[in-house]
């Protein structure tokens, strides 16, 4: 899990990178939760997402948005963070120019950024969004959503409302040519406290179904 530093649009960005040993391996980018509330690339949900892809022989990058950890710059309410994510994906693709496919996974604020990124980058073929904050941010840009994916939500989340996520899922599920799976984790709060195993099992089950391994 080597540390990496790469150039972002507002200075250097700090990350952790795993290089697959498989030729033309797929790639995955992991996006963390809101920096204003302590979100960083080592948050346990981001860490678990990272390792779900590592276990499937992806080359995987997680990184700190601007102003977090050793990443330079200041919080920019999502606009700059989307640019950071695009720069991180560029960096990941430059390391893996022959990658077989590309996924984006994000938690909370990172799920919002990730779903914006997949709208702008047609190479993103799959996504995992954990607790997308549909009651806090506008997701109307997903019209239509270009990729199939997985959305997971805890039923005791007081940060992101279950109702708002269900409405987002319903909107996406009526779109043609994509499939969006929705998993609810009963009793889980926003950070999946004491429900980490169910979260990991849900993500792993979905990836196994989609990837075939």
N, C-alpha and C. Protein backbone atom coordinates (compact mmCIF):
# COMPACT_ATOMS: atom_id res chain seq x y z
N UNK A 1 0.84 -1.18 0.00
CA UNK A 1 0.00 0.00 0.00
C UNK A 1 0.88 1.25 0.00
N UNK A 2 1.65 1.44 -1.07
CA UNK A 2 2.61 2.54 -1.07
C UNK A 2 1.93 3.89 -1.06
N UNK A 3 2.56 4.82 -0.35
CA UNK A 3 2.11 6.21 -0.38
C UNK A 3 2.48 6.82 -1.73
N UNK A 4 1.60 7.65 -2.25
CA UNK A 4 1.89 8.35 -3.50
C UNK A 4 1.51 9.82 -3.33
N UNK A 5 2.22 10.65 -4.04
CA UNK A 5 1.90 12.07 -4.14
C UNK A 5 1.80 12.41 -5.62
N UNK A 6 0.71 13.03 -6.02
CA UNK A 6 0.55 13.38 -7.43
C UNK A 6 -0.03 14.78 -7.55
N UNK A 7 0.10 15.35 -8.73
CA UNK A 7 -0.32 16.72 -8.94
C UNK A 7 -1.83 16.82 -9.12
N UNK A 8 -2.44 17.71 -8.35
CA UNK A 8 -3.85 18.02 -8.50
C UNK A 8 -4.00 19.42 -9.07
N UNK A 9 -5.23 19.85 -9.28
CA UNK A 9 -5.47 21.17 -9.87
C UNK A 9 -5.12 22.32 -8.94
N UNK A 10 -5.00 22.04 -7.62
CA UNK A 10 -4.72 23.11 -6.65
C UNK A 10 -3.55 22.74 -5.76
N UNK A 11 -2.63 21.94 -6.29
CA UNK A 11 -1.47 21.52 -5.52
C UNK A 11 -1.36 20.02 -5.46
N UNK A 12 -0.42 19.54 -4.68
CA UNK A 12 -0.18 18.10 -4.60
C UNK A 12 -1.27 17.40 -3.79
N UNK A 13 -1.57 16.17 -4.18
CA UNK A 13 -2.55 15.35 -3.49
C UNK A 13 -1.89 14.07 -2.98
N UNK A 14 -2.29 13.67 -1.80
CA UNK A 14 -1.72 12.51 -1.12
C UNK A 14 -2.64 11.30 -1.31
N UNK A 15 -2.05 10.15 -1.62
CA UNK A 15 -2.86 8.96 -1.79
C UNK A 15 -2.18 7.69 -1.33
N UNK A 16 -2.92 6.60 -1.42
CA UNK A 16 -2.42 5.25 -1.21
C UNK A 16 -2.79 4.45 -2.45
N UNK A 17 -1.84 3.71 -2.96
CA UNK A 17 -2.03 3.05 -4.25
C UNK A 17 -1.62 1.60 -4.19
N UNK A 18 -2.44 0.74 -4.77
CA UNK A 18 -2.12 -0.67 -4.92
C UNK A 18 -2.05 -1.00 -6.40
N UNK A 19 -0.90 -1.52 -6.82
CA UNK A 19 -0.71 -1.93 -8.21
C UNK A 19 -0.98 -3.43 -8.34
N UNK A 20 -1.91 -3.77 -9.20
CA UNK A 20 -2.21 -5.18 -9.43
C UNK A 20 -1.04 -5.88 -10.11
N UNK A 21 -0.90 -7.15 -9.83
CA UNK A 21 0.14 -7.96 -10.48
C UNK A 21 -0.35 -8.54 -11.81
N UNK A 22 -1.61 -8.31 -12.14
CA UNK A 22 -2.20 -8.88 -13.35
C UNK A 22 -2.09 -7.89 -14.51
N UNK A 23 -1.74 -8.40 -15.66
CA UNK A 23 -1.61 -7.56 -16.85
C UNK A 23 -2.99 -7.03 -17.26
N UNK A 24 -3.02 -5.76 -17.62
CA UNK A 24 -4.26 -5.09 -18.05
C UNK A 24 -5.36 -5.16 -17.00
N UNK A 25 -4.97 -5.11 -15.74
CA UNK A 25 -5.93 -5.20 -14.64
C UNK A 25 -6.91 -4.04 -14.68
N UNK A 26 -8.13 -4.23 -14.18
CA UNK A 26 -9.06 -3.12 -14.05
C UNK A 26 -8.59 -2.14 -12.98
N UNK A 27 -9.15 -0.94 -12.99
CA UNK A 27 -8.76 0.09 -12.02
C UNK A 27 -9.99 0.56 -11.26
N UNK A 28 -9.75 1.04 -10.03
CA UNK A 28 -10.83 1.59 -9.20
C UNK A 28 -10.31 2.79 -8.43
N UNK A 29 -11.14 3.82 -8.35
CA UNK A 29 -10.84 5.04 -7.60
C UNK A 29 -11.80 5.13 -6.43
N UNK A 30 -11.26 5.39 -5.22
CA UNK A 30 -12.05 5.44 -4.00
C UNK A 30 -12.08 6.88 -3.48
N UNK A 31 -13.30 7.38 -3.18
CA UNK A 31 -13.50 8.78 -2.78
C UNK A 31 -14.10 8.84 -1.38
N UNK A 32 -13.46 9.61 -0.51
CA UNK A 32 -13.84 9.62 0.91
C UNK A 32 -14.96 10.62 1.23
N UNK A 33 -15.40 10.57 2.48
CA UNK A 33 -16.53 11.37 2.94
C UNK A 33 -16.13 12.83 3.19
N UNK A 34 -17.08 13.62 3.65
CA UNK A 34 -16.96 15.08 3.74
C UNK A 34 -15.77 15.52 4.59
N UNK A 35 -14.82 16.25 4.00
CA UNK A 35 -13.66 16.73 4.76
C UNK A 35 -14.05 17.67 5.90
N UNK A 36 -15.19 18.33 5.81
CA UNK A 36 -15.61 19.26 6.87
C UNK A 36 -15.96 18.53 8.15
N UNK A 37 -16.19 17.24 8.05
CA UNK A 37 -16.57 16.45 9.23
C UNK A 37 -15.59 15.30 9.46
N UNK A 38 -14.33 15.54 9.10
CA UNK A 38 -13.28 14.59 9.39
C UNK A 38 -13.08 13.51 8.35
N UNK A 39 -13.75 13.60 7.22
CA UNK A 39 -13.58 12.60 6.19
C UNK A 39 -12.17 12.59 5.62
N UNK A 40 -11.61 11.40 5.44
CA UNK A 40 -10.29 11.27 4.82
C UNK A 40 -10.16 9.87 4.25
N UNK A 41 -9.08 9.65 3.51
CA UNK A 41 -8.93 8.39 2.78
C UNK A 41 -8.76 7.19 3.69
N UNK A 42 -8.46 7.42 4.99
CA UNK A 42 -8.29 6.31 5.92
C UNK A 42 -9.55 6.04 6.75
N UNK A 43 -10.63 6.77 6.47
CA UNK A 43 -11.91 6.43 7.06
C UNK A 43 -12.19 4.95 6.79
N UNK A 44 -12.80 4.27 7.75
CA UNK A 44 -12.92 2.81 7.63
C UNK A 44 -13.75 2.40 6.41
N UNK A 45 -14.78 3.18 6.05
CA UNK A 45 -15.59 2.79 4.90
C UNK A 45 -14.75 2.89 3.62
N UNK A 46 -13.98 3.98 3.49
CA UNK A 46 -13.10 4.12 2.33
C UNK A 46 -12.05 3.02 2.31
N UNK A 47 -11.53 2.68 3.47
CA UNK A 47 -10.53 1.61 3.58
C UNK A 47 -11.12 0.28 3.15
N UNK A 48 -12.34 -0.02 3.60
CA UNK A 48 -12.98 -1.29 3.22
C UNK A 48 -13.26 -1.34 1.72
N UNK A 49 -13.73 -0.23 1.16
CA UNK A 49 -13.97 -0.19 -0.28
C UNK A 49 -12.68 -0.47 -1.05
N UNK A 50 -11.63 0.19 -0.64
CA UNK A 50 -10.31 0.02 -1.27
C UNK A 50 -9.93 -1.46 -1.31
N UNK A 51 -10.08 -2.15 -0.17
CA UNK A 51 -9.64 -3.54 -0.11
C UNK A 51 -10.60 -4.50 -0.81
N UNK A 52 -11.86 -4.11 -0.96
CA UNK A 52 -12.76 -4.95 -1.75
C UNK A 52 -12.27 -5.06 -3.18
N UNK A 53 -11.73 -3.97 -3.71
CA UNK A 53 -11.19 -4.01 -5.07
C UNK A 53 -9.80 -4.63 -5.12
N UNK A 54 -8.98 -4.39 -4.11
CA UNK A 54 -7.66 -5.03 -4.05
C UNK A 54 -7.80 -6.55 -4.10
N UNK A 55 -8.79 -7.07 -3.36
CA UNK A 55 -8.99 -8.53 -3.32
C UNK A 55 -9.37 -9.08 -4.69
N UNK A 56 -9.85 -8.23 -5.57
CA UNK A 56 -10.24 -8.68 -6.91
C UNK A 56 -9.21 -8.29 -7.97
N UNK A 57 -7.99 -8.04 -7.52
CA UNK A 57 -6.85 -7.79 -8.40
C UNK A 57 -6.99 -6.54 -9.26
N UNK A 58 -7.72 -5.55 -8.74
CA UNK A 58 -7.72 -4.23 -9.36
C UNK A 58 -6.46 -3.48 -8.97
N UNK A 59 -6.05 -2.53 -9.79
CA UNK A 59 -5.14 -1.48 -9.34
C UNK A 59 -6.03 -0.39 -8.74
N UNK A 60 -5.75 0.00 -7.50
CA UNK A 60 -6.70 0.82 -6.74
C UNK A 60 -6.00 2.04 -6.15
N UNK A 61 -6.66 3.18 -6.22
CA UNK A 61 -6.16 4.42 -5.64
C UNK A 61 -7.22 5.02 -4.73
N UNK A 62 -6.82 5.33 -3.50
CA UNK A 62 -7.63 6.20 -2.66
C UNK A 62 -6.77 7.40 -2.32
N UNK A 63 -7.37 8.55 -2.11
CA UNK A 63 -6.56 9.75 -1.89
C UNK A 63 -7.33 10.74 -1.03
N UNK A 64 -6.61 11.72 -0.49
CA UNK A 64 -7.21 12.79 0.29
C UNK A 64 -7.55 13.96 -0.63
N UNK A 65 -8.81 14.42 -0.53
CA UNK A 65 -9.17 15.63 -1.23
C UNK A 65 -8.33 16.81 -0.74
N UNK A 66 -8.34 17.88 -1.48
CA UNK A 66 -7.60 19.11 -1.14
C UNK A 66 -7.86 19.52 0.31
N UNK A 67 -6.77 19.90 0.98
CA UNK A 67 -6.88 20.38 2.36
C UNK A 67 -6.97 19.30 3.42
N UNK A 68 -6.90 18.03 3.01
CA UNK A 68 -7.00 16.91 3.95
C UNK A 68 -5.65 16.21 4.03
N UNK A 69 -5.20 15.93 5.25
CA UNK A 69 -3.91 15.26 5.41
C UNK A 69 -2.79 16.09 4.79
N UNK A 70 -2.02 15.46 3.93
CA UNK A 70 -0.91 16.17 3.26
C UNK A 70 -1.31 16.72 1.88
N UNK A 71 -2.58 16.64 1.55
CA UNK A 71 -3.03 17.22 0.28
C UNK A 71 -3.15 18.73 0.40
N UNK A 72 -2.62 19.41 -0.57
CA UNK A 72 -2.60 20.87 -0.54
C UNK A 72 -3.94 21.45 -0.99
N UNK A 73 -4.14 22.73 -0.65
CA UNK A 73 -5.36 23.41 -1.05
C UNK A 73 -6.35 23.52 0.10
N UNK A 74 -7.54 24.03 -0.21
CA UNK A 74 -8.59 24.22 0.78
C UNK A 74 -9.91 23.66 0.27
N UNK A 75 -10.78 23.30 1.19
CA UNK A 75 -12.09 22.76 0.85
C UNK A 75 -12.83 23.70 -0.10
N UNK A 76 -13.49 23.13 -1.11
CA UNK A 76 -14.10 23.95 -2.16
C UNK A 76 -15.55 23.55 -2.44
N UNK A 77 -16.25 23.03 -1.43
CA UNK A 77 -17.69 22.77 -1.53
C UNK A 77 -18.07 21.83 -2.68
N UNK A 78 -17.14 21.01 -3.10
CA UNK A 78 -17.45 20.01 -4.11
C UNK A 78 -16.90 20.32 -5.49
N UNK A 79 -16.83 21.58 -5.85
CA UNK A 79 -16.35 21.93 -7.19
C UNK A 79 -14.88 21.54 -7.36
N UNK A 80 -14.05 21.99 -6.43
CA UNK A 80 -12.64 21.65 -6.49
C UNK A 80 -12.39 20.17 -6.25
N UNK A 81 -13.21 19.57 -5.39
CA UNK A 81 -13.04 18.15 -5.08
C UNK A 81 -13.36 17.29 -6.31
N UNK A 82 -14.32 17.70 -7.12
CA UNK A 82 -14.58 16.99 -8.37
C UNK A 82 -13.37 17.09 -9.30
N UNK A 83 -12.74 18.24 -9.33
CA UNK A 83 -11.51 18.39 -10.13
C UNK A 83 -10.39 17.52 -9.57
N UNK A 84 -10.32 17.42 -8.23
CA UNK A 84 -9.33 16.53 -7.62
C UNK A 84 -9.56 15.09 -8.06
N UNK A 85 -10.83 14.67 -8.04
CA UNK A 85 -11.16 13.29 -8.43
C UNK A 85 -10.79 13.03 -9.88
N UNK A 86 -11.04 14.01 -10.74
CA UNK A 86 -10.68 13.85 -12.15
C UNK A 86 -9.17 13.73 -12.31
N UNK A 87 -8.41 14.53 -11.55
CA UNK A 87 -6.95 14.46 -11.60
C UNK A 87 -6.46 13.11 -11.08
N UNK A 88 -7.11 12.60 -10.04
CA UNK A 88 -6.74 11.30 -9.49
C UNK A 88 -7.01 10.18 -10.50
N UNK A 89 -8.12 10.29 -11.20
CA UNK A 89 -8.43 9.29 -12.23
C UNK A 89 -7.42 9.37 -13.37
N UNK A 90 -7.03 10.58 -13.75
CA UNK A 90 -5.99 10.74 -14.77
C UNK A 90 -4.70 10.06 -14.33
N UNK A 91 -4.32 10.29 -13.08
CA UNK A 91 -3.10 9.70 -12.54
C UNK A 91 -3.19 8.18 -12.58
N UNK A 92 -4.33 7.64 -12.15
CA UNK A 92 -4.53 6.20 -12.12
C UNK A 92 -4.49 5.61 -13.53
N UNK A 93 -5.08 6.31 -14.48
CA UNK A 93 -5.08 5.83 -15.86
C UNK A 93 -3.69 5.91 -16.49
N UNK A 94 -2.93 6.93 -16.13
CA UNK A 94 -1.57 7.04 -16.66
C UNK A 94 -0.69 5.88 -16.17
N UNK A 95 -0.96 5.41 -14.95
CA UNK A 95 -0.22 4.27 -14.43
C UNK A 95 -0.69 2.95 -15.05
N UNK A 96 -1.93 2.97 -15.56
CA UNK A 96 -2.54 1.74 -16.09
C UNK A 96 -3.21 2.02 -17.43
N UNK A 97 -2.42 2.35 -18.45
CA UNK A 97 -3.01 2.79 -19.72
C UNK A 97 -3.82 1.72 -20.44
N UNK A 98 -3.59 0.46 -20.10
CA UNK A 98 -4.30 -0.64 -20.77
C UNK A 98 -5.30 -1.33 -19.84
N UNK A 99 -5.79 -0.60 -18.84
CA UNK A 99 -6.74 -1.18 -17.89
C UNK A 99 -7.98 -1.70 -18.62
N UNK A 100 -8.46 -2.86 -18.19
CA UNK A 100 -9.58 -3.50 -18.87
C UNK A 100 -10.90 -2.80 -18.60
N UNK A 101 -11.04 -2.19 -17.43
CA UNK A 101 -12.26 -1.45 -17.12
C UNK A 101 -11.98 -0.51 -15.94
N UNK A 102 -12.96 0.36 -15.64
CA UNK A 102 -12.76 1.40 -14.62
C UNK A 102 -14.00 1.50 -13.75
N UNK A 103 -13.78 1.53 -12.43
CA UNK A 103 -14.86 1.70 -11.45
C UNK A 103 -14.56 2.89 -10.55
N UNK A 104 -15.62 3.47 -10.01
CA UNK A 104 -15.50 4.52 -9.00
C UNK A 104 -16.37 4.14 -7.81
N UNK A 105 -15.82 4.28 -6.60
CA UNK A 105 -16.58 3.99 -5.39
C UNK A 105 -16.40 5.14 -4.41
N UNK A 106 -17.50 5.54 -3.78
CA UNK A 106 -17.42 6.66 -2.85
C UNK A 106 -18.35 6.50 -1.67
N UNK A 107 -17.99 7.18 -0.58
CA UNK A 107 -18.77 7.16 0.65
C UNK A 107 -19.28 8.56 0.95
N UNK A 108 -20.59 8.71 1.08
CA UNK A 108 -21.24 9.96 1.48
C UNK A 108 -20.87 11.10 0.51
N UNK A 109 -20.22 12.14 0.97
CA UNK A 109 -19.76 13.21 0.08
C UNK A 109 -19.00 12.64 -1.10
N UNK A 110 -18.18 11.63 -0.86
CA UNK A 110 -17.42 11.00 -1.94
C UNK A 110 -18.30 10.29 -2.95
N UNK A 111 -19.47 9.79 -2.49
CA UNK A 111 -20.42 9.17 -3.42
C UNK A 111 -21.00 10.23 -4.35
N UNK A 112 -21.29 11.41 -3.81
CA UNK A 112 -21.79 12.52 -4.63
C UNK A 112 -20.75 12.93 -5.67
N UNK A 113 -19.50 13.06 -5.26
CA UNK A 113 -18.42 13.40 -6.19
C UNK A 113 -18.26 12.29 -7.23
N UNK A 114 -18.28 11.04 -6.77
CA UNK A 114 -18.07 9.92 -7.68
C UNK A 114 -19.13 9.82 -8.76
N UNK A 115 -20.37 10.10 -8.39
CA UNK A 115 -21.45 10.00 -9.38
C UNK A 115 -21.41 11.18 -10.36
N UNK A 116 -20.89 12.31 -9.91
CA UNK A 116 -20.64 13.41 -10.87
C UNK A 116 -19.52 13.04 -11.83
N UNK A 117 -18.49 12.37 -11.28
CA UNK A 117 -17.35 12.00 -12.11
C UNK A 117 -17.76 11.02 -13.20
N UNK A 118 -18.60 10.05 -12.86
CA UNK A 118 -18.97 9.07 -13.88
C UNK A 118 -19.82 9.69 -14.98
N UNK A 119 -20.48 10.82 -14.69
CA UNK A 119 -21.22 11.52 -15.74
C UNK A 119 -20.28 12.17 -16.75
N UNK A 120 -19.08 12.48 -16.29
CA UNK A 120 -18.11 13.20 -17.13
C UNK A 120 -17.09 12.30 -17.78
N UNK A 121 -16.99 11.07 -17.30
CA UNK A 121 -15.94 10.18 -17.77
C UNK A 121 -16.56 8.87 -18.26
N UNK A 122 -16.79 8.74 -19.55
CA UNK A 122 -17.48 7.56 -20.08
C UNK A 122 -16.73 6.25 -19.87
N UNK A 123 -15.46 6.33 -19.51
CA UNK A 123 -14.71 5.10 -19.27
C UNK A 123 -15.12 4.43 -17.95
N UNK A 124 -15.81 5.15 -17.08
CA UNK A 124 -16.27 4.57 -15.82
C UNK A 124 -17.46 3.65 -16.11
N UNK A 125 -17.28 2.36 -15.88
CA UNK A 125 -18.29 1.37 -16.26
C UNK A 125 -19.09 0.84 -15.08
N UNK A 126 -18.68 1.14 -13.85
CA UNK A 126 -19.41 0.67 -12.69
C UNK A 126 -19.15 1.56 -11.49
N UNK A 127 -20.11 1.57 -10.55
CA UNK A 127 -19.92 2.39 -9.36
C UNK A 127 -20.49 1.70 -8.13
N UNK A 128 -19.93 2.08 -6.98
CA UNK A 128 -20.48 1.73 -5.68
C UNK A 128 -20.62 3.02 -4.89
N UNK A 129 -21.84 3.32 -4.46
CA UNK A 129 -22.11 4.54 -3.70
C UNK A 129 -22.66 4.16 -2.33
N UNK A 130 -21.90 4.50 -1.29
CA UNK A 130 -22.31 4.21 0.07
C UNK A 130 -22.89 5.48 0.69
N UNK A 131 -24.14 5.42 1.09
CA UNK A 131 -24.83 6.56 1.72
C UNK A 131 -24.72 7.84 0.90
N UNK A 132 -25.15 7.81 -0.37
CA UNK A 132 -25.10 9.05 -1.16
C UNK A 132 -26.02 10.11 -0.54
N UNK A 133 -25.51 11.31 -0.27
CA UNK A 133 -26.27 12.30 0.50
C UNK A 133 -27.31 13.03 -0.33
N UNK A 134 -28.35 12.30 -0.71
CA UNK A 134 -29.37 12.84 -1.62
C UNK A 134 -30.23 13.91 -0.97
N UNK A 135 -30.23 13.97 0.37
CA UNK A 135 -30.97 15.03 1.06
C UNK A 135 -30.13 16.28 1.28
N UNK A 136 -28.85 16.20 1.00
CA UNK A 136 -27.94 17.33 1.24
C UNK A 136 -27.42 17.96 -0.04
N UNK A 137 -27.36 17.19 -1.12
CA UNK A 137 -26.82 17.68 -2.39
C UNK A 137 -27.76 17.31 -3.53
N UNK A 138 -27.65 18.05 -4.61
CA UNK A 138 -28.49 17.85 -5.78
C UNK A 138 -27.92 16.72 -6.64
N UNK A 139 -28.72 15.68 -6.87
CA UNK A 139 -28.31 14.57 -7.72
C UNK A 139 -29.05 14.58 -9.06
N UNK A 140 -29.66 15.70 -9.41
CA UNK A 140 -30.44 15.75 -10.65
C UNK A 140 -29.57 15.63 -11.90
N UNK A 141 -28.24 15.76 -11.75
CA UNK A 141 -27.34 15.61 -12.90
C UNK A 141 -27.37 14.19 -13.46
N UNK A 142 -27.89 13.23 -12.68
CA UNK A 142 -27.95 11.84 -13.14
C UNK A 142 -29.15 11.65 -14.06
N UNK A 143 -29.07 12.26 -15.20
CA UNK A 143 -30.21 12.24 -16.14
C UNK A 143 -29.72 12.15 -17.57
N UNK A 144 -29.53 10.94 -18.09
CA UNK A 144 -29.63 9.68 -17.36
C UNK A 144 -28.29 9.29 -16.75
N UNK A 145 -28.35 8.33 -15.83
CA UNK A 145 -27.12 7.76 -15.25
C UNK A 145 -26.50 6.83 -16.30
N UNK A 146 -25.22 7.00 -16.61
CA UNK A 146 -24.62 6.22 -17.70
C UNK A 146 -24.10 4.84 -17.31
N UNK A 147 -24.05 4.54 -16.02
CA UNK A 147 -23.42 3.29 -15.59
C UNK A 147 -24.29 2.55 -14.59
N UNK A 148 -24.18 1.24 -14.59
CA UNK A 148 -24.82 0.43 -13.56
C UNK A 148 -24.00 0.48 -12.28
N UNK A 149 -24.66 0.19 -11.16
CA UNK A 149 -23.92 0.25 -9.91
C UNK A 149 -24.72 -0.22 -8.72
N UNK A 150 -24.15 -0.01 -7.55
CA UNK A 150 -24.71 -0.42 -6.27
C UNK A 150 -24.82 0.79 -5.35
N UNK A 151 -25.95 0.91 -4.67
CA UNK A 151 -26.14 1.92 -3.64
C UNK A 151 -26.49 1.21 -2.34
N UNK A 152 -25.80 1.58 -1.26
CA UNK A 152 -26.04 1.00 0.07
C UNK A 152 -26.39 2.12 1.04
N UNK A 153 -27.37 1.86 1.91
CA UNK A 153 -27.82 2.86 2.88
C UNK A 153 -28.17 2.19 4.20
N UNK A 154 -27.80 2.82 5.30
CA UNK A 154 -28.19 2.34 6.62
C UNK A 154 -29.55 2.87 7.03
N UNK A 155 -30.34 2.05 7.72
CA UNK A 155 -31.70 2.47 8.07
C UNK A 155 -31.76 3.39 9.28
N UNK A 156 -30.67 3.48 10.05
CA UNK A 156 -30.64 4.38 11.20
C UNK A 156 -29.70 5.56 10.98
N UNK A 157 -29.52 5.94 9.74
CA UNK A 157 -28.64 7.04 9.36
C UNK A 157 -29.35 8.36 9.63
N UNK A 158 -28.79 9.20 10.51
CA UNK A 158 -29.40 10.50 10.80
C UNK A 158 -28.72 11.63 10.02
N UNK A 159 -27.73 11.29 9.22
CA UNK A 159 -27.07 12.29 8.36
C UNK A 159 -27.71 12.29 6.99
N UNK A 160 -27.80 11.12 6.39
CA UNK A 160 -28.42 10.96 5.08
C UNK A 160 -29.73 10.21 5.29
N UNK A 161 -30.83 10.80 4.86
CA UNK A 161 -32.14 10.18 5.11
C UNK A 161 -32.38 9.00 4.17
N UNK A 162 -32.90 7.93 4.75
CA UNK A 162 -33.22 6.74 3.96
C UNK A 162 -34.22 7.07 2.86
N UNK A 163 -35.19 7.92 3.17
CA UNK A 163 -36.22 8.29 2.20
C UNK A 163 -35.63 8.95 0.97
N UNK A 164 -34.67 9.85 1.18
CA UNK A 164 -34.07 10.56 0.04
C UNK A 164 -33.27 9.62 -0.85
N UNK A 165 -32.60 8.65 -0.25
CA UNK A 165 -31.83 7.68 -1.02
C UNK A 165 -32.77 6.76 -1.80
N UNK A 166 -33.86 6.36 -1.18
CA UNK A 166 -34.82 5.50 -1.88
C UNK A 166 -35.40 6.22 -3.10
N UNK A 167 -35.68 7.51 -2.96
CA UNK A 167 -36.20 8.27 -4.10
C UNK A 167 -35.17 8.35 -5.22
N UNK A 168 -33.90 8.52 -4.85
CA UNK A 168 -32.83 8.54 -5.85
C UNK A 168 -32.75 7.19 -6.56
N UNK A 169 -32.79 6.12 -5.78
CA UNK A 169 -32.72 4.78 -6.37
C UNK A 169 -33.89 4.54 -7.32
N UNK A 170 -35.09 4.91 -6.90
CA UNK A 170 -36.27 4.71 -7.75
C UNK A 170 -36.13 5.46 -9.06
N UNK A 171 -35.59 6.66 -8.99
CA UNK A 171 -35.38 7.45 -10.21
C UNK A 171 -34.39 6.75 -11.14
N UNK A 172 -33.34 6.19 -10.59
CA UNK A 172 -32.31 5.54 -11.40
C UNK A 172 -32.79 4.20 -11.95
N UNK A 173 -33.59 3.50 -11.16
CA UNK A 173 -33.98 2.15 -11.57
C UNK A 173 -34.96 2.14 -12.75
N UNK A 174 -35.61 3.26 -13.02
CA UNK A 174 -36.52 3.28 -14.17
C UNK A 174 -35.80 3.60 -15.47
N UNK A 175 -34.52 3.94 -15.38
CA UNK A 175 -33.76 4.25 -16.59
C UNK A 175 -33.42 2.97 -17.34
N UNK A 176 -33.41 3.05 -18.63
CA UNK A 176 -33.12 1.90 -19.47
C UNK A 176 -31.62 1.68 -19.61
N UNK A 177 -31.25 0.46 -19.85
CA UNK A 177 -29.88 0.06 -20.20
C UNK A 177 -28.90 0.08 -19.03
N UNK A 178 -29.37 0.38 -17.82
CA UNK A 178 -28.51 0.25 -16.64
C UNK A 178 -29.28 -0.49 -15.56
N UNK A 179 -28.55 -1.04 -14.60
CA UNK A 179 -29.16 -1.71 -13.45
C UNK A 179 -28.53 -1.16 -12.18
N UNK A 180 -29.36 -0.62 -11.30
CA UNK A 180 -28.87 -0.10 -10.02
C UNK A 180 -29.45 -0.95 -8.90
N UNK A 181 -28.57 -1.67 -8.21
CA UNK A 181 -29.00 -2.46 -7.06
C UNK A 181 -29.01 -1.58 -5.81
N UNK A 182 -29.95 -1.89 -4.92
CA UNK A 182 -30.08 -1.12 -3.68
C UNK A 182 -30.09 -2.08 -2.50
N UNK A 183 -29.17 -1.85 -1.56
CA UNK A 183 -29.11 -2.66 -0.35
C UNK A 183 -29.29 -1.76 0.86
N UNK A 184 -30.17 -2.16 1.77
CA UNK A 184 -30.33 -1.45 3.04
C UNK A 184 -29.72 -2.31 4.15
N UNK A 185 -29.01 -1.66 5.05
CA UNK A 185 -28.42 -2.37 6.19
C UNK A 185 -29.19 -1.96 7.43
N UNK A 186 -29.97 -2.89 7.92
CA UNK A 186 -30.88 -2.61 9.03
C UNK A 186 -30.12 -2.22 10.29
N UNK A 187 -30.53 -1.11 10.90
CA UNK A 187 -29.95 -0.68 12.16
C UNK A 187 -28.66 0.09 12.06
N UNK A 188 -28.14 0.26 10.84
CA UNK A 188 -26.83 0.91 10.71
C UNK A 188 -26.95 2.43 10.71
N UNK A 189 -25.98 3.07 11.36
CA UNK A 189 -25.89 4.53 11.30
C UNK A 189 -25.09 4.95 10.06
N UNK A 190 -24.79 6.23 9.96
CA UNK A 190 -24.12 6.74 8.77
C UNK A 190 -22.73 6.13 8.56
N UNK A 191 -22.08 5.78 9.67
CA UNK A 191 -20.69 5.30 9.59
C UNK A 191 -20.61 3.78 9.70
N UNK A 192 -21.74 3.11 9.69
CA UNK A 192 -21.81 1.64 9.71
C UNK A 192 -21.14 1.07 10.97
N UNK A 193 -21.29 1.81 12.08
CA UNK A 193 -20.75 1.37 13.36
C UNK A 193 -21.41 0.06 13.77
N UNK A 194 -20.58 -0.93 14.06
CA UNK A 194 -21.02 -2.28 14.42
C UNK A 194 -21.75 -3.00 13.27
N UNK A 195 -21.69 -2.43 12.08
CA UNK A 195 -22.29 -3.08 10.91
C UNK A 195 -21.27 -3.15 9.76
N UNK A 196 -20.00 -3.07 10.11
CA UNK A 196 -18.96 -3.09 9.09
C UNK A 196 -18.97 -4.39 8.28
N UNK A 197 -19.18 -5.51 8.97
CA UNK A 197 -19.17 -6.79 8.27
C UNK A 197 -20.27 -6.86 7.22
N UNK A 198 -21.48 -6.40 7.57
CA UNK A 198 -22.58 -6.43 6.61
C UNK A 198 -22.29 -5.55 5.41
N UNK A 199 -21.65 -4.40 5.67
CA UNK A 199 -21.28 -3.50 4.58
C UNK A 199 -20.30 -4.19 3.63
N UNK A 200 -19.25 -4.77 4.17
CA UNK A 200 -18.23 -5.43 3.35
C UNK A 200 -18.83 -6.61 2.59
N UNK A 201 -19.66 -7.39 3.26
CA UNK A 201 -20.30 -8.54 2.60
C UNK A 201 -21.18 -8.07 1.45
N UNK A 202 -21.92 -6.97 1.66
CA UNK A 202 -22.78 -6.44 0.61
C UNK A 202 -22.01 -5.98 -0.61
N UNK A 203 -20.93 -5.27 -0.38
CA UNK A 203 -20.09 -4.80 -1.49
C UNK A 203 -19.45 -5.98 -2.20
N UNK A 204 -18.89 -6.91 -1.43
CA UNK A 204 -18.21 -8.06 -2.03
C UNK A 204 -19.18 -8.92 -2.84
N UNK A 205 -20.38 -9.12 -2.33
CA UNK A 205 -21.37 -9.92 -3.04
C UNK A 205 -21.70 -9.27 -4.38
N UNK A 206 -21.89 -7.97 -4.37
CA UNK A 206 -22.22 -7.27 -5.62
C UNK A 206 -21.06 -7.36 -6.62
N UNK A 207 -19.85 -7.11 -6.16
CA UNK A 207 -18.70 -7.15 -7.07
C UNK A 207 -18.51 -8.55 -7.65
N UNK A 208 -18.71 -9.57 -6.83
CA UNK A 208 -18.58 -10.94 -7.32
C UNK A 208 -19.62 -11.21 -8.41
N UNK A 209 -20.85 -10.75 -8.19
CA UNK A 209 -21.90 -10.95 -9.19
C UNK A 209 -21.57 -10.23 -10.49
N UNK A 210 -21.06 -9.01 -10.39
CA UNK A 210 -20.81 -8.21 -11.57
C UNK A 210 -19.56 -8.65 -12.33
N UNK A 211 -18.53 -9.03 -11.57
CA UNK A 211 -17.24 -9.34 -12.18
C UNK A 211 -17.08 -10.83 -12.50
N UNK A 212 -17.85 -11.65 -11.81
CA UNK A 212 -17.75 -13.09 -12.03
C UNK A 212 -16.64 -13.75 -11.24
N UNK A 213 -16.05 -13.02 -10.27
CA UNK A 213 -15.02 -13.63 -9.42
C UNK A 213 -14.91 -12.88 -8.11
